[in-house]
Every structure is written in C-alpha cells, then in structure tokens.
Amino acid sequence: MYAKELIIPENVNVEPSGNKVKVSGPKGSLEREFQLNEIKIEKKENKIIVSSELEKRKIKALVGTTAAHIKNLVDGVTKGFTYKLKVIFSHFPVQLKVEKDKVFFLNFLGEKTPRAAKIAGKTEVKVDGQDITVTGINLEDVGQTASNLELATRRTGYDKKVFQDGCYICSRE
C-alpha cells in the first residue's frame, strides 16, 4: 500500500466525499473533483490520507499529484496566492484598464485596438501604475490569469532582446 499524509491546520476544515474534496478556511472555501480510479482519500483526526492499494508507478504519481492539489487547496484558504507582474515599455506608453472580467492594454506598441486578457474565476486584479497584482485563493485561477496577462502582450516576429515591451511575471507568493 502506498500513501501520502497531509496535516490539516487548526482553522481549516477538509471534507472528502467520494471523488470530491471540499476545503474551507478563513479566506473562503474551495471544492475540487478528482478522477479517482484506484485512489482513496480519507480523513483521520487532523490528517488527510491519500492512498492506493496498487504500487504501480503511475498510481504512485497520481497519489502524489492528488495530495499536492489538496495541499494547494489548504494553502489557498489559509494564505491565498499572489502574483506580481510588471508592464515594461520603451516605445509607446501603455495604459491599463480593468473592466469586469478583463484587463485591457491600451496603446500597446502603438496599436489602435486594445489587447484584452481574461480574468479566470474569482481572481482579483489590481493595477498601480505599471505594476499589476493578481490575488486569489485558487492557485490555478491566479496562475491562469497571470499567464493570460503575459500572453496578451506577446509579440511574434520581433527580436526579444531589442523589443522588450510586454507584461512579465516578477514574483509569486
């Protein structure tokens, strides 16, 4: 039998039921559905145990991946996740505008039409001059939003060493 254990912090409640895991804590609650073919998720006292009877290599990898996803859910409801991005320009000044579920880059490389990046899930985006802060409790949504911001300012056909204009991830917390 192969198993991974996770210790649950005091102010967090984890409820596994079938192939779903619901985690609630001080910052909010998250729910995730897993495809559990040969894997069991159990709660014993203040621990979550992800285990499998089979010891095949792929099953062991799935056990580790499932445990890591549950750990990310617990970290999200206790601390949250933050990505910091910076908009860099040397040719044309770029203005940023956040509207509903999109971030718009105006005047990027002198283009007339604004470039848009989608905000995933319940992620918050704050713009302060040329600095962008992306925060939320779901790691996948926060990371996807930061990636969308980078991709919105991607250019092809330019030398990256000369034309460094764009939006880039500076740090993750």
N, C-alpha and C. Protein backbone atom coordinates (compact mmCIF):
# COMPACT_ATOMS: atom_id res chain seq x y z
N MET A 1 0.84 -1.19 0.00
CA MET A 1 0.00 0.00 0.00
C MET A 1 0.88 1.25 0.00
N TYR A 2 0.55 2.22 -0.85
CA TYR A 2 1.29 3.47 -0.97
C TYR A 2 0.39 4.61 -0.51
N ALA A 3 0.90 5.50 0.37
CA ALA A 3 0.06 6.57 0.90
C ALA A 3 0.88 7.84 1.14
N LYS A 4 0.19 8.97 1.08
CA LYS A 4 0.75 10.28 1.42
C LYS A 4 -0.17 10.90 2.47
N GLU A 5 0.42 11.52 3.47
CA GLU A 5 -0.35 12.15 4.53
C GLU A 5 -0.17 13.66 4.51
N LEU A 6 -1.26 14.37 4.78
CA LEU A 6 -1.23 15.82 4.90
C LEU A 6 -1.83 16.20 6.25
N ILE A 7 -1.13 17.05 6.99
CA ILE A 7 -1.64 17.51 8.27
C ILE A 7 -2.51 18.75 8.02
N ILE A 8 -3.72 18.73 8.56
CA ILE A 8 -4.67 19.82 8.37
C ILE A 8 -4.44 20.86 9.47
N PRO A 9 -4.26 22.15 9.11
CA PRO A 9 -4.14 23.19 10.13
C PRO A 9 -5.42 23.31 10.96
N GLU A 10 -5.32 23.94 12.13
CA GLU A 10 -6.45 24.02 13.07
C GLU A 10 -7.66 24.74 12.52
N ASN A 11 -7.44 25.84 11.80
CA ASN A 11 -8.57 26.66 11.36
C ASN A 11 -9.11 26.26 9.98
N VAL A 12 -8.77 25.06 9.51
CA VAL A 12 -9.19 24.59 8.19
C VAL A 12 -10.03 23.33 8.35
N ASN A 13 -11.11 23.24 7.57
CA ASN A 13 -11.96 22.06 7.57
C ASN A 13 -11.90 21.40 6.18
N VAL A 14 -11.51 20.12 6.15
CA VAL A 14 -11.42 19.38 4.89
C VAL A 14 -12.45 18.25 4.95
N GLU A 15 -13.29 18.18 3.91
CA GLU A 15 -14.33 17.15 3.86
C GLU A 15 -14.22 16.37 2.55
N PRO A 16 -13.62 15.18 2.59
CA PRO A 16 -13.63 14.33 1.37
C PRO A 16 -14.94 13.55 1.30
N SER A 17 -15.54 13.55 0.11
CA SER A 17 -16.76 12.76 -0.09
C SER A 17 -16.73 12.20 -1.51
N GLY A 18 -16.51 10.92 -1.62
CA GLY A 18 -16.41 10.29 -2.93
C GLY A 18 -15.18 10.79 -3.66
N ASN A 19 -15.39 11.36 -4.84
CA ASN A 19 -14.26 11.89 -5.59
C ASN A 19 -14.15 13.41 -5.50
N LYS A 20 -14.85 14.02 -4.53
CA LYS A 20 -14.78 15.46 -4.30
C LYS A 20 -14.14 15.75 -2.96
N VAL A 21 -13.43 16.86 -2.91
CA VAL A 21 -12.84 17.33 -1.66
C VAL A 21 -13.25 18.79 -1.50
N LYS A 22 -13.84 19.10 -0.35
CA LYS A 22 -14.24 20.48 -0.05
C LYS A 22 -13.38 20.98 1.10
N VAL A 23 -12.75 22.13 0.89
CA VAL A 23 -11.86 22.72 1.88
C VAL A 23 -12.38 24.11 2.21
N SER A 24 -12.55 24.40 3.51
CA SER A 24 -12.99 25.73 3.92
C SER A 24 -12.06 26.23 5.02
N GLY A 25 -11.81 27.54 4.98
CA GLY A 25 -10.90 28.15 5.94
C GLY A 25 -11.21 29.62 6.11
N PRO A 26 -10.28 30.37 6.69
CA PRO A 26 -10.55 31.79 6.97
C PRO A 26 -10.73 32.65 5.73
N LYS A 27 -10.13 32.33 4.61
CA LYS A 27 -10.24 33.16 3.40
C LYS A 27 -11.40 32.75 2.50
N GLY A 28 -12.02 31.61 2.74
CA GLY A 28 -13.13 31.17 1.90
C GLY A 28 -13.16 29.66 1.80
N SER A 29 -13.87 29.15 0.79
CA SER A 29 -13.94 27.70 0.60
C SER A 29 -13.73 27.36 -0.87
N LEU A 30 -13.12 26.20 -1.08
CA LEU A 30 -12.84 25.69 -2.41
C LEU A 30 -13.30 24.25 -2.50
N GLU A 31 -13.66 23.85 -3.71
CA GLU A 31 -14.08 22.47 -3.94
C GLU A 31 -13.41 21.97 -5.21
N ARG A 32 -12.95 20.73 -5.18
CA ARG A 32 -12.29 20.16 -6.36
C ARG A 32 -12.73 18.71 -6.53
N GLU A 33 -12.93 18.34 -7.79
CA GLU A 33 -13.32 16.97 -8.12
C GLU A 33 -12.12 16.27 -8.74
N PHE A 34 -11.84 15.06 -8.27
CA PHE A 34 -10.72 14.26 -8.76
C PHE A 34 -11.24 13.03 -9.48
N GLN A 35 -10.43 12.52 -10.41
CA GLN A 35 -10.74 11.24 -11.03
C GLN A 35 -9.96 10.17 -10.27
N LEU A 36 -10.66 9.49 -9.39
CA LEU A 36 -10.01 8.53 -8.51
C LEU A 36 -10.32 7.12 -8.97
N ASN A 37 -9.46 6.57 -9.82
CA ASN A 37 -9.67 5.21 -10.29
C ASN A 37 -9.26 4.20 -9.23
N GLU A 38 -8.05 4.30 -8.76
CA GLU A 38 -7.51 3.36 -7.79
C GLU A 38 -7.07 4.05 -6.50
N ILE A 39 -7.53 5.29 -6.28
CA ILE A 39 -7.05 6.09 -5.15
C ILE A 39 -8.19 6.34 -4.16
N LYS A 40 -7.84 6.34 -2.86
CA LYS A 40 -8.80 6.66 -1.80
C LYS A 40 -8.32 7.90 -1.05
N ILE A 41 -9.27 8.76 -0.69
CA ILE A 41 -8.97 9.93 0.13
C ILE A 41 -9.77 9.78 1.43
N GLU A 42 -9.05 9.74 2.55
CA GLU A 42 -9.68 9.55 3.85
C GLU A 42 -9.25 10.65 4.81
N LYS A 43 -10.14 10.95 5.77
CA LYS A 43 -9.81 11.90 6.83
C LYS A 43 -9.77 11.15 8.15
N LYS A 44 -8.62 11.23 8.83
CA LYS A 44 -8.47 10.62 10.15
C LYS A 44 -7.92 11.68 11.09
N GLU A 45 -8.69 12.02 12.10
CA GLU A 45 -8.35 13.06 13.07
C GLU A 45 -7.98 14.35 12.35
N ASN A 46 -6.72 14.82 12.44
CA ASN A 46 -6.33 16.07 11.78
C ASN A 46 -5.43 15.80 10.58
N LYS A 47 -5.63 14.64 9.93
CA LYS A 47 -4.81 14.29 8.77
C LYS A 47 -5.70 13.87 7.59
N ILE A 48 -5.21 14.15 6.40
CA ILE A 48 -5.82 13.62 5.17
C ILE A 48 -4.86 12.59 4.63
N ILE A 49 -5.37 11.41 4.34
CA ILE A 49 -4.53 10.34 3.81
C ILE A 49 -5.00 10.00 2.40
N VAL A 50 -4.08 10.16 1.44
CA VAL A 50 -4.33 9.80 0.05
C VAL A 50 -3.57 8.51 -0.19
N SER A 51 -4.29 7.43 -0.52
CA SER A 51 -3.62 6.13 -0.60
C SER A 51 -4.14 5.29 -1.76
N SER A 52 -3.38 4.23 -2.05
CA SER A 52 -3.76 3.28 -3.08
C SER A 52 -3.21 1.91 -2.71
N GLU A 53 -3.97 0.88 -3.04
CA GLU A 53 -3.52 -0.49 -2.79
C GLU A 53 -2.44 -0.90 -3.79
N LEU A 54 -2.54 -0.39 -5.01
CA LEU A 54 -1.57 -0.73 -6.04
C LEU A 54 -0.31 0.10 -5.87
N GLU A 55 0.82 -0.48 -6.23
CA GLU A 55 2.09 0.25 -6.13
C GLU A 55 2.73 0.42 -7.50
N LYS A 56 1.89 0.61 -8.50
CA LYS A 56 2.41 0.88 -9.84
C LYS A 56 2.94 2.31 -9.89
N ARG A 57 3.85 2.54 -10.81
CA ARG A 57 4.48 3.84 -10.92
C ARG A 57 3.48 4.96 -11.21
N LYS A 58 2.56 4.74 -12.13
CA LYS A 58 1.57 5.76 -12.49
C LYS A 58 0.61 6.03 -11.34
N ILE A 59 0.25 5.00 -10.60
CA ILE A 59 -0.66 5.18 -9.46
C ILE A 59 0.04 5.99 -8.36
N LYS A 60 1.32 5.70 -8.12
CA LYS A 60 2.08 6.47 -7.13
C LYS A 60 2.14 7.94 -7.53
N ALA A 61 2.32 8.20 -8.82
CA ALA A 61 2.35 9.58 -9.32
C ALA A 61 1.01 10.26 -9.10
N LEU A 62 -0.09 9.53 -9.34
CA LEU A 62 -1.43 10.09 -9.11
C LEU A 62 -1.68 10.39 -7.64
N VAL A 63 -1.18 9.53 -6.75
CA VAL A 63 -1.33 9.76 -5.31
C VAL A 63 -0.61 11.05 -4.93
N GLY A 64 0.62 11.22 -5.41
CA GLY A 64 1.38 12.43 -5.11
C GLY A 64 0.74 13.68 -5.68
N THR A 65 0.23 13.58 -6.91
CA THR A 65 -0.42 14.72 -7.55
C THR A 65 -1.69 15.12 -6.80
N THR A 66 -2.49 14.14 -6.42
CA THR A 66 -3.73 14.41 -5.69
C THR A 66 -3.43 15.06 -4.34
N ALA A 67 -2.40 14.55 -3.64
CA ALA A 67 -2.01 15.14 -2.36
C ALA A 67 -1.53 16.58 -2.54
N ALA A 68 -0.79 16.85 -3.62
CA ALA A 68 -0.31 18.21 -3.87
C ALA A 68 -1.47 19.15 -4.17
N HIS A 69 -2.48 18.69 -4.91
CA HIS A 69 -3.65 19.52 -5.20
C HIS A 69 -4.41 19.85 -3.90
N ILE A 70 -4.55 18.87 -3.02
CA ILE A 70 -5.24 19.12 -1.74
C ILE A 70 -4.44 20.10 -0.90
N LYS A 71 -3.11 19.98 -0.91
CA LYS A 71 -2.25 20.92 -0.18
C LYS A 71 -2.42 22.32 -0.73
N ASN A 72 -2.53 22.48 -2.06
CA ASN A 72 -2.75 23.79 -2.66
C ASN A 72 -4.10 24.37 -2.25
N LEU A 73 -5.12 23.52 -2.13
CA LEU A 73 -6.43 23.99 -1.68
C LEU A 73 -6.33 24.51 -0.24
N VAL A 74 -5.62 23.76 0.62
CA VAL A 74 -5.46 24.17 2.02
C VAL A 74 -4.67 25.48 2.10
N ASP A 75 -3.58 25.59 1.33
CA ASP A 75 -2.79 26.83 1.33
C ASP A 75 -3.62 28.01 0.83
N GLY A 76 -4.48 27.78 -0.14
CA GLY A 76 -5.31 28.85 -0.69
C GLY A 76 -6.29 29.41 0.32
N VAL A 77 -6.95 28.55 1.10
CA VAL A 77 -7.94 29.04 2.05
C VAL A 77 -7.29 29.59 3.32
N THR A 78 -5.99 29.34 3.54
CA THR A 78 -5.32 29.91 4.71
C THR A 78 -4.52 31.16 4.36
N LYS A 79 -3.68 31.09 3.33
CA LYS A 79 -2.80 32.22 2.98
C LYS A 79 -3.23 32.95 1.72
N GLY A 80 -3.74 32.23 0.73
CA GLY A 80 -4.04 32.82 -0.57
C GLY A 80 -2.79 32.84 -1.43
N PHE A 81 -2.95 33.25 -2.68
CA PHE A 81 -1.84 33.28 -3.63
C PHE A 81 -1.77 34.65 -4.28
N THR A 82 -0.55 35.11 -4.55
CA THR A 82 -0.33 36.42 -5.16
C THR A 82 0.73 36.31 -6.24
N TYR A 83 0.43 36.87 -7.41
CA TYR A 83 1.40 37.01 -8.49
C TYR A 83 1.58 38.50 -8.74
N LYS A 84 2.83 38.92 -8.89
CA LYS A 84 3.11 40.32 -9.21
C LYS A 84 3.70 40.38 -10.61
N LEU A 85 3.13 41.27 -11.44
CA LEU A 85 3.58 41.44 -12.81
C LEU A 85 3.98 42.89 -13.03
N LYS A 86 4.82 43.10 -14.02
CA LYS A 86 5.26 44.45 -14.36
C LYS A 86 5.10 44.66 -15.85
N VAL A 87 4.55 45.82 -16.22
CA VAL A 87 4.40 46.18 -17.63
C VAL A 87 5.61 47.02 -18.00
N ILE A 88 6.33 46.59 -19.02
CA ILE A 88 7.54 47.28 -19.46
C ILE A 88 7.30 47.80 -20.87
N PHE A 89 7.68 49.06 -21.08
CA PHE A 89 7.56 49.63 -22.43
C PHE A 89 8.70 50.61 -22.63
N SER A 90 9.14 50.70 -23.87
CA SER A 90 10.17 51.69 -24.20
C SER A 90 9.76 52.52 -25.41
N HIS A 91 8.80 52.05 -26.17
CA HIS A 91 8.42 52.74 -27.39
C HIS A 91 7.16 53.59 -27.21
N PHE A 92 6.08 53.01 -26.73
CA PHE A 92 4.82 53.72 -26.57
C PHE A 92 4.32 53.51 -25.14
N PRO A 93 3.84 54.55 -24.47
CA PRO A 93 3.32 54.38 -23.10
C PRO A 93 2.04 53.55 -23.10
N VAL A 94 2.00 52.55 -22.23
CA VAL A 94 0.87 51.62 -22.16
C VAL A 94 -0.02 52.01 -21.00
N GLN A 95 -1.34 52.08 -21.23
CA GLN A 95 -2.30 52.29 -20.16
C GLN A 95 -3.03 50.98 -19.91
N LEU A 96 -3.38 50.75 -18.65
CA LEU A 96 -4.09 49.53 -18.25
C LEU A 96 -5.46 49.90 -17.73
N LYS A 97 -6.45 49.06 -18.07
CA LYS A 97 -7.82 49.27 -17.60
C LYS A 97 -8.43 47.93 -17.24
N VAL A 98 -9.01 47.82 -16.05
CA VAL A 98 -9.69 46.60 -15.62
C VAL A 98 -11.18 46.82 -15.70
N GLU A 99 -11.89 45.96 -16.45
CA GLU A 99 -13.34 46.05 -16.57
C GLU A 99 -13.93 44.65 -16.42
N LYS A 100 -14.77 44.47 -15.40
CA LYS A 100 -15.45 43.21 -15.13
C LYS A 100 -14.46 42.05 -15.09
N ASP A 101 -14.46 41.21 -16.13
CA ASP A 101 -13.59 40.02 -16.10
C ASP A 101 -12.48 40.10 -17.14
N LYS A 102 -12.06 41.34 -17.50
CA LYS A 102 -10.99 41.50 -18.48
C LYS A 102 -10.06 42.64 -18.08
N VAL A 103 -8.81 42.52 -18.51
CA VAL A 103 -7.82 43.59 -18.36
C VAL A 103 -7.46 44.03 -19.76
N PHE A 104 -7.51 45.35 -20.01
CA PHE A 104 -7.21 45.88 -21.34
C PHE A 104 -5.88 46.62 -21.32
N PHE A 105 -5.06 46.35 -22.34
CA PHE A 105 -3.79 47.05 -22.56
C PHE A 105 -4.03 48.03 -23.71
N LEU A 106 -4.04 49.32 -23.39
CA LEU A 106 -4.30 50.35 -24.39
C LEU A 106 -2.98 50.92 -24.90
N ASN A 107 -2.89 51.17 -26.20
CA ASN A 107 -1.73 51.77 -26.86
C ASN A 107 -0.48 50.88 -26.76
N PHE A 108 -0.65 49.57 -26.71
CA PHE A 108 0.50 48.67 -26.66
C PHE A 108 1.17 48.65 -28.03
N LEU A 109 2.43 49.04 -28.08
CA LEU A 109 3.21 49.17 -29.32
C LEU A 109 2.53 50.09 -30.34
N GLY A 110 1.74 51.03 -29.83
CA GLY A 110 1.08 51.99 -30.70
C GLY A 110 -0.13 51.45 -31.43
N GLU A 111 -0.64 50.30 -31.03
CA GLU A 111 -1.79 49.70 -31.71
C GLU A 111 -3.07 50.46 -31.39
N LYS A 112 -3.94 50.56 -32.37
CA LYS A 112 -5.21 51.27 -32.18
C LYS A 112 -6.20 50.48 -31.35
N THR A 113 -6.26 49.16 -31.57
CA THR A 113 -7.20 48.33 -30.83
C THR A 113 -6.55 47.83 -29.55
N PRO A 114 -7.28 47.88 -28.42
CA PRO A 114 -6.69 47.40 -27.17
C PRO A 114 -6.58 45.87 -27.15
N ARG A 115 -5.56 45.39 -26.46
CA ARG A 115 -5.41 43.95 -26.26
C ARG A 115 -6.10 43.60 -24.94
N ALA A 116 -6.77 42.45 -24.91
CA ALA A 116 -7.53 42.05 -23.72
C ALA A 116 -7.00 40.73 -23.15
N ALA A 117 -7.04 40.63 -21.83
CA ALA A 117 -6.68 39.40 -21.13
C ALA A 117 -7.82 39.04 -20.19
N LYS A 118 -8.23 37.78 -20.21
CA LYS A 118 -9.37 37.32 -19.40
C LYS A 118 -8.93 37.04 -17.97
N ILE A 119 -9.77 37.42 -17.02
CA ILE A 119 -9.53 37.12 -15.61
C ILE A 119 -10.28 35.83 -15.29
N ALA A 120 -9.55 34.81 -14.82
CA ALA A 120 -10.15 33.50 -14.55
C ALA A 120 -10.74 33.44 -13.14
N GLY A 121 -11.93 32.86 -13.04
CA GLY A 121 -12.55 32.60 -11.74
C GLY A 121 -12.82 33.85 -10.93
N LYS A 122 -12.61 33.72 -9.60
CA LYS A 122 -12.85 34.83 -8.67
C LYS A 122 -11.53 35.51 -8.29
N THR A 123 -10.70 35.75 -9.27
CA THR A 123 -9.40 36.35 -9.04
C THR A 123 -9.53 37.87 -9.07
N GLU A 124 -8.77 38.54 -8.19
CA GLU A 124 -8.78 40.00 -8.15
C GLU A 124 -7.52 40.52 -8.82
N VAL A 125 -7.69 41.55 -9.66
CA VAL A 125 -6.56 42.18 -10.34
C VAL A 125 -6.54 43.64 -9.95
N LYS A 126 -5.39 44.09 -9.41
CA LYS A 126 -5.21 45.49 -9.02
C LYS A 126 -4.09 46.08 -9.86
N VAL A 127 -4.34 47.26 -10.41
CA VAL A 127 -3.34 47.95 -11.23
C VAL A 127 -2.87 49.18 -10.49
N ASP A 128 -1.54 49.33 -10.36
CA ASP A 128 -0.96 50.50 -9.72
C ASP A 128 0.15 51.01 -10.63
N GLY A 129 -0.20 51.93 -11.51
CA GLY A 129 0.77 52.43 -12.49
C GLY A 129 1.12 51.32 -13.48
N GLN A 130 2.38 50.88 -13.49
CA GLN A 130 2.81 49.81 -14.38
C GLN A 130 2.94 48.48 -13.65
N ASP A 131 2.51 48.41 -12.38
CA ASP A 131 2.56 47.17 -11.60
C ASP A 131 1.16 46.57 -11.52
N ILE A 132 1.10 45.25 -11.69
CA ILE A 132 -0.17 44.53 -11.62
C ILE A 132 -0.04 43.49 -10.52
N THR A 133 -1.05 43.41 -9.64
CA THR A 133 -1.08 42.40 -8.59
C THR A 133 -2.30 41.52 -8.81
N VAL A 134 -2.08 40.22 -8.92
CA VAL A 134 -3.15 39.25 -9.12
C VAL A 134 -3.25 38.41 -7.86
N THR A 135 -4.41 38.42 -7.18
CA THR A 135 -4.58 37.68 -5.94
C THR A 135 -5.84 36.83 -5.99
N GLY A 136 -5.83 35.76 -5.19
CA GLY A 136 -6.99 34.88 -5.09
C GLY A 136 -6.68 33.68 -4.21
N ILE A 137 -7.69 32.84 -4.00
CA ILE A 137 -7.48 31.66 -3.17
C ILE A 137 -7.29 30.39 -3.99
N ASN A 138 -7.63 30.43 -5.27
CA ASN A 138 -7.46 29.25 -6.13
C ASN A 138 -6.18 29.43 -6.95
N LEU A 139 -5.19 28.60 -6.70
CA LEU A 139 -3.89 28.71 -7.36
C LEU A 139 -4.01 28.62 -8.87
N GLU A 140 -4.84 27.74 -9.36
CA GLU A 140 -4.97 27.55 -10.81
C GLU A 140 -5.57 28.78 -11.48
N ASP A 141 -6.57 29.41 -10.86
CA ASP A 141 -7.17 30.61 -11.43
C ASP A 141 -6.20 31.79 -11.40
N VAL A 142 -5.46 31.95 -10.30
CA VAL A 142 -4.50 33.04 -10.18
C VAL A 142 -3.38 32.86 -11.21
N GLY A 143 -2.86 31.66 -11.33
CA GLY A 143 -1.80 31.39 -12.30
C GLY A 143 -2.27 31.55 -13.73
N GLN A 144 -3.50 31.12 -14.02
CA GLN A 144 -4.04 31.26 -15.37
C GLN A 144 -4.25 32.73 -15.74
N THR A 145 -4.71 33.53 -14.77
CA THR A 145 -4.90 34.95 -15.03
C THR A 145 -3.56 35.63 -15.32
N ALA A 146 -2.53 35.32 -14.52
CA ALA A 146 -1.20 35.90 -14.74
C ALA A 146 -0.66 35.48 -16.11
N SER A 147 -0.88 34.24 -16.48
CA SER A 147 -0.45 33.75 -17.78
C SER A 147 -1.20 34.45 -18.91
N ASN A 148 -2.50 34.68 -18.73
CA ASN A 148 -3.30 35.38 -19.73
C ASN A 148 -2.79 36.81 -19.94
N LEU A 149 -2.36 37.45 -18.84
CA LEU A 149 -1.82 38.81 -18.95
C LEU A 149 -0.52 38.81 -19.75
N GLU A 150 0.33 37.83 -19.51
CA GLU A 150 1.58 37.73 -20.27
C GLU A 150 1.32 37.45 -21.74
N LEU A 151 0.38 36.53 -22.01
CA LEU A 151 0.08 36.16 -23.39
C LEU A 151 -0.57 37.29 -24.19
N ALA A 152 -1.31 38.16 -23.49
CA ALA A 152 -1.99 39.25 -24.19
C ALA A 152 -0.98 40.22 -24.81
N THR A 153 0.21 40.32 -24.21
CA THR A 153 1.21 41.25 -24.73
C THR A 153 2.32 40.54 -25.49
N ARG A 154 2.09 39.33 -25.88
CA ARG A 154 3.10 38.56 -26.62
C ARG A 154 3.18 39.07 -28.06
N ARG A 155 4.41 39.16 -28.56
CA ARG A 155 4.62 39.56 -29.95
C ARG A 155 5.44 38.49 -30.64
N THR A 156 5.14 38.27 -31.89
CA THR A 156 5.94 37.33 -32.67
C THR A 156 6.59 38.10 -33.81
N GLY A 157 7.74 37.64 -34.23
CA GLY A 157 8.41 38.28 -35.34
C GLY A 157 9.31 39.43 -34.94
N TYR A 158 9.48 39.66 -33.63
CA TYR A 158 10.36 40.71 -33.14
C TYR A 158 11.52 40.07 -32.39
N ASP A 159 12.65 40.72 -32.37
CA ASP A 159 13.79 40.26 -31.59
C ASP A 159 13.52 40.56 -30.12
N LYS A 160 13.49 39.53 -29.25
CA LYS A 160 13.15 39.71 -27.84
C LYS A 160 14.20 40.54 -27.10
N LYS A 161 15.43 40.57 -27.62
CA LYS A 161 16.48 41.34 -26.96
C LYS A 161 16.35 42.83 -27.25
N VAL A 162 15.74 43.18 -28.36
CA VAL A 162 15.59 44.59 -28.73
C VAL A 162 14.23 45.11 -28.29
N PHE A 163 13.15 44.40 -28.64
CA PHE A 163 11.79 44.81 -28.30
C PHE A 163 11.34 44.08 -27.05
N GLN A 164 11.58 44.70 -25.90
CA GLN A 164 11.25 44.05 -24.63
C GLN A 164 9.92 44.51 -24.07
N ASP A 165 9.14 45.19 -24.86
CA ASP A 165 7.83 45.67 -24.40
C ASP A 165 6.94 44.47 -24.08
N GLY A 166 6.20 44.55 -22.97
CA GLY A 166 5.30 43.47 -22.62
C GLY A 166 4.96 43.49 -21.14
N CYS A 167 4.26 42.45 -20.72
CA CYS A 167 3.86 42.26 -19.34
C CYS A 167 4.51 40.97 -18.86
N TYR A 168 5.25 41.04 -17.75
CA TYR A 168 6.03 39.88 -17.30
C TYR A 168 5.80 39.60 -15.83
N ILE A 169 5.78 38.31 -15.46
CA ILE A 169 5.64 37.90 -14.06
C ILE A 169 6.97 38.18 -13.36
N CYS A 170 6.90 38.91 -12.23
CA CYS A 170 8.10 39.24 -11.45
C CYS A 170 8.26 38.32 -10.26
N SER A 171 7.15 38.05 -9.56
CA SER A 171 7.26 37.22 -8.35
C SER A 171 5.94 36.50 -8.06
N ARG A 172 6.07 35.42 -7.28
CA ARG A 172 4.90 34.64 -6.84
C ARG A 172 5.01 34.47 -5.32
N GLU A 173 3.86 34.53 -4.67
CA GLU A 173 3.84 34.32 -3.22
C GLU A 173 2.71 33.39 -2.85
